Amino acid sequence: MHPFDFSTATDLEAVIQAMAGNPGVRPITGGTTLVDLMKLEVETPSHVIDINHLGQSDPSISRVSRLADGG
């Protein structure tokens, strides 16, 4: 595995700004296979941003809800 920087996102806008124009930045959250791909050196990000808590504290991120058609 290649060395990388790690940070925890403070808000959605910070994640968007960090990723804009920087292909070496990857977000990580529960249920992703990013770490497995990094171990296999398929993915080699220079910076990983933890976004796990954003949906719980950032009002700019919409919640999951049922649509009128059942979706």
N, C-alpha and C. Protein backbone atom coordinates (compact mmCIF):
# COMPACT_ATOMS: atom_id res chain seq x y z
N MET A 1 0.85 -1.17 0.00
CA MET A 1 0.00 0.00 0.00
C MET A 1 0.89 1.24 0.00
N HIS A 2 0.55 2.20 -0.83
CA HIS A 2 1.29 3.46 -0.91
C HIS A 2 0.90 4.37 0.25
N PRO A 3 1.82 5.21 0.72
CA PRO A 3 1.47 6.17 1.78
C PRO A 3 0.45 7.19 1.27
N PHE A 4 -0.38 7.66 2.20
CA PHE A 4 -1.40 8.65 1.84
C PHE A 4 -1.73 9.49 3.06
N ASP A 5 -2.27 10.68 2.82
CA ASP A 5 -2.77 11.54 3.89
C ASP A 5 -4.22 11.17 4.16
N PHE A 6 -4.66 11.38 5.39
CA PHE A 6 -6.02 11.06 5.79
C PHE A 6 -6.60 12.23 6.56
N SER A 7 -7.85 12.56 6.25
CA SER A 7 -8.53 13.61 7.02
C SER A 7 -10.01 13.26 7.14
N THR A 8 -10.67 13.92 8.06
CA THR A 8 -12.11 13.76 8.24
C THR A 8 -12.78 15.03 7.74
N ALA A 9 -13.77 14.86 6.88
CA ALA A 9 -14.45 16.01 6.29
C ALA A 9 -15.20 16.80 7.35
N THR A 10 -15.18 18.11 7.17
CA THR A 10 -15.93 18.98 8.08
C THR A 10 -17.30 19.33 7.50
N ASP A 11 -17.40 19.38 6.16
CA ASP A 11 -18.67 19.64 5.50
C ASP A 11 -18.55 19.23 4.04
N LEU A 12 -19.67 19.14 3.37
CA LEU A 12 -19.70 18.69 1.98
C LEU A 12 -18.91 19.61 1.07
N GLU A 13 -19.01 20.90 1.27
CA GLU A 13 -18.29 21.85 0.42
C GLU A 13 -16.78 21.63 0.50
N ALA A 14 -16.26 21.32 1.67
CA ALA A 14 -14.83 21.05 1.83
C ALA A 14 -14.40 19.82 1.03
N VAL A 15 -15.25 18.81 0.99
CA VAL A 15 -14.95 17.60 0.22
C VAL A 15 -14.92 17.92 -1.27
N ILE A 16 -15.93 18.65 -1.72
CA ILE A 16 -16.00 19.03 -3.14
C ILE A 16 -14.78 19.84 -3.54
N GLN A 17 -14.39 20.79 -2.72
CA GLN A 17 -13.21 21.62 -3.02
C GLN A 17 -11.93 20.78 -3.04
N ALA A 18 -11.81 19.85 -2.10
CA ALA A 18 -10.61 19.02 -2.03
C ALA A 18 -10.49 18.10 -3.25
N MET A 19 -11.63 17.64 -3.75
CA MET A 19 -11.61 16.71 -4.87
C MET A 19 -11.55 17.41 -6.23
N ALA A 20 -11.95 18.65 -6.31
CA ALA A 20 -12.01 19.38 -7.58
C ALA A 20 -10.63 19.46 -8.23
N GLY A 21 -10.52 18.86 -9.39
CA GLY A 21 -9.28 18.92 -10.14
C GLY A 21 -8.14 18.14 -9.53
N ASN A 22 -8.41 17.30 -8.55
CA ASN A 22 -7.35 16.52 -7.91
C ASN A 22 -7.72 15.04 -7.94
N PRO A 23 -7.26 14.31 -8.95
CA PRO A 23 -7.61 12.89 -9.07
C PRO A 23 -7.02 12.00 -7.99
N GLY A 24 -6.11 12.54 -7.18
CA GLY A 24 -5.50 11.75 -6.11
C GLY A 24 -6.28 11.73 -4.82
N VAL A 25 -7.40 12.45 -4.76
CA VAL A 25 -8.22 12.51 -3.54
C VAL A 25 -9.41 11.58 -3.70
N ARG A 26 -9.64 10.73 -2.69
CA ARG A 26 -10.77 9.81 -2.71
C ARG A 26 -11.55 9.91 -1.40
N PRO A 27 -12.88 9.93 -1.48
CA PRO A 27 -13.69 9.88 -0.26
C PRO A 27 -13.82 8.43 0.19
N ILE A 28 -14.00 8.24 1.48
CA ILE A 28 -14.23 6.89 2.01
C ILE A 28 -15.37 6.96 3.02
N THR A 29 -16.20 5.93 2.98
CA THR A 29 -17.30 5.80 3.93
C THR A 29 -17.54 4.31 4.16
N GLY A 30 -18.41 3.98 5.08
CA GLY A 30 -18.69 2.58 5.35
C GLY A 30 -19.21 1.85 4.12
N GLY A 31 -18.81 0.61 3.96
CA GLY A 31 -19.32 -0.20 2.87
C GLY A 31 -18.56 -0.04 1.56
N THR A 32 -17.51 0.75 1.53
CA THR A 32 -16.73 0.91 0.30
C THR A 32 -15.60 -0.10 0.27
N THR A 33 -15.10 -0.37 -0.91
CA THR A 33 -13.98 -1.31 -1.06
C THR A 33 -12.67 -0.57 -1.32
N LEU A 34 -12.64 0.72 -1.04
CA LEU A 34 -11.44 1.51 -1.33
C LEU A 34 -10.20 0.94 -0.65
N VAL A 35 -10.30 0.59 0.61
CA VAL A 35 -9.13 0.07 1.33
C VAL A 35 -8.64 -1.23 0.70
N ASP A 36 -9.56 -2.11 0.31
CA ASP A 36 -9.17 -3.35 -0.36
C ASP A 36 -8.45 -3.05 -1.67
N LEU A 37 -8.98 -2.10 -2.45
CA LEU A 37 -8.34 -1.74 -3.71
C LEU A 37 -6.99 -1.08 -3.49
N MET A 38 -6.85 -0.36 -2.38
CA MET A 38 -5.56 0.25 -2.06
C MET A 38 -4.54 -0.83 -1.69
N LYS A 39 -4.97 -1.85 -0.97
CA LYS A 39 -4.06 -2.95 -0.61
C LYS A 39 -3.56 -3.68 -1.85
N LEU A 40 -4.42 -3.81 -2.85
CA LEU A 40 -4.05 -4.47 -4.10
C LEU A 40 -3.34 -3.51 -5.07
N GLU A 41 -3.20 -2.25 -4.66
CA GLU A 41 -2.58 -1.19 -5.46
C GLU A 41 -3.32 -0.93 -6.77
N VAL A 42 -4.63 -1.21 -6.78
CA VAL A 42 -5.49 -0.83 -7.89
C VAL A 42 -5.81 0.65 -7.78
N GLU A 43 -6.05 1.11 -6.56
CA GLU A 43 -6.25 2.52 -6.25
C GLU A 43 -5.06 2.98 -5.42
N THR A 44 -4.51 4.13 -5.77
CA THR A 44 -3.36 4.67 -5.03
C THR A 44 -3.57 6.17 -4.76
N PRO A 45 -4.60 6.50 -3.98
CA PRO A 45 -4.85 7.91 -3.70
C PRO A 45 -3.74 8.53 -2.85
N SER A 46 -3.56 9.82 -3.04
CA SER A 46 -2.58 10.54 -2.22
C SER A 46 -3.24 11.08 -0.95
N HIS A 47 -4.59 11.17 -0.98
CA HIS A 47 -5.33 11.70 0.16
C HIS A 47 -6.69 11.01 0.23
N VAL A 48 -7.06 10.53 1.41
CA VAL A 48 -8.35 9.90 1.65
C VAL A 48 -9.11 10.75 2.65
N ILE A 49 -10.38 11.06 2.31
CA ILE A 49 -11.22 11.89 3.18
C ILE A 49 -12.37 11.06 3.71
N ASP A 50 -12.47 10.94 5.02
CA ASP A 50 -13.56 10.22 5.67
C ASP A 50 -14.82 11.08 5.63
N ILE A 51 -15.89 10.56 4.99
CA ILE A 51 -17.15 11.30 4.89
C ILE A 51 -18.28 10.60 5.65
N ASN A 52 -17.94 9.66 6.51
CA ASN A 52 -18.95 8.87 7.23
C ASN A 52 -19.99 9.70 7.96
N HIS A 53 -19.58 10.73 8.64
CA HIS A 53 -20.49 11.48 9.50
C HIS A 53 -21.26 12.59 8.79
N LEU A 54 -20.94 12.88 7.54
CA LEU A 54 -21.56 14.03 6.87
C LEU A 54 -23.08 13.95 6.78
N GLY A 55 -23.63 12.82 6.47
CA GLY A 55 -25.07 12.69 6.34
C GLY A 55 -25.81 12.91 7.63
N GLN A 56 -25.12 12.81 8.75
CA GLN A 56 -25.76 12.99 10.04
C GLN A 56 -25.70 14.43 10.53
N SER A 57 -24.72 15.19 10.05
CA SER A 57 -24.55 16.53 10.63
C SER A 57 -24.63 17.66 9.61
N ASP A 58 -24.60 17.35 8.31
CA ASP A 58 -24.57 18.39 7.30
C ASP A 58 -25.95 18.55 6.66
N PRO A 59 -26.64 19.65 6.91
CA PRO A 59 -27.98 19.83 6.37
C PRO A 59 -28.01 19.98 4.86
N SER A 60 -26.86 20.20 4.22
CA SER A 60 -26.84 20.33 2.76
C SER A 60 -26.96 18.98 2.06
N ILE A 61 -26.83 17.89 2.81
CA ILE A 61 -26.95 16.56 2.23
C ILE A 61 -28.36 16.06 2.49
N SER A 62 -29.03 15.67 1.42
CA SER A 62 -30.42 15.23 1.58
C SER A 62 -30.49 13.85 2.22
N ARG A 63 -31.58 13.61 2.87
CA ARG A 63 -31.83 12.33 3.52
C ARG A 63 -32.47 11.36 2.52
N VAL A 64 -32.38 10.08 2.82
CA VAL A 64 -33.05 9.07 2.02
C VAL A 64 -34.52 9.08 2.40
N SER A 65 -35.38 9.11 1.40
CA SER A 65 -36.81 9.09 1.68
C SER A 65 -37.55 8.37 0.55
N ARG A 66 -38.72 7.85 0.86
CA ARG A 66 -39.50 7.10 -0.11
C ARG A 66 -40.21 8.08 -1.06
N LEU A 67 -40.18 7.76 -2.34
CA LEU A 67 -40.85 8.57 -3.34
C LEU A 67 -42.31 8.16 -3.47
N ALA A 68 -43.13 9.03 -4.04
CA ALA A 68 -44.56 8.76 -4.19
C ALA A 68 -44.84 7.47 -4.97
N ASP A 69 -43.96 7.14 -5.92
CA ASP A 69 -44.16 5.93 -6.73
C ASP A 69 -43.59 4.68 -6.08
N GLY A 70 -43.11 4.80 -4.84
CA GLY A 70 -42.59 3.65 -4.10
C GLY A 70 -41.11 3.48 -4.18
N GLY A 71 -40.43 4.30 -4.99
CA GLY A 71 -38.98 4.21 -5.13
C GLY A 71 -38.26 4.69 -3.91
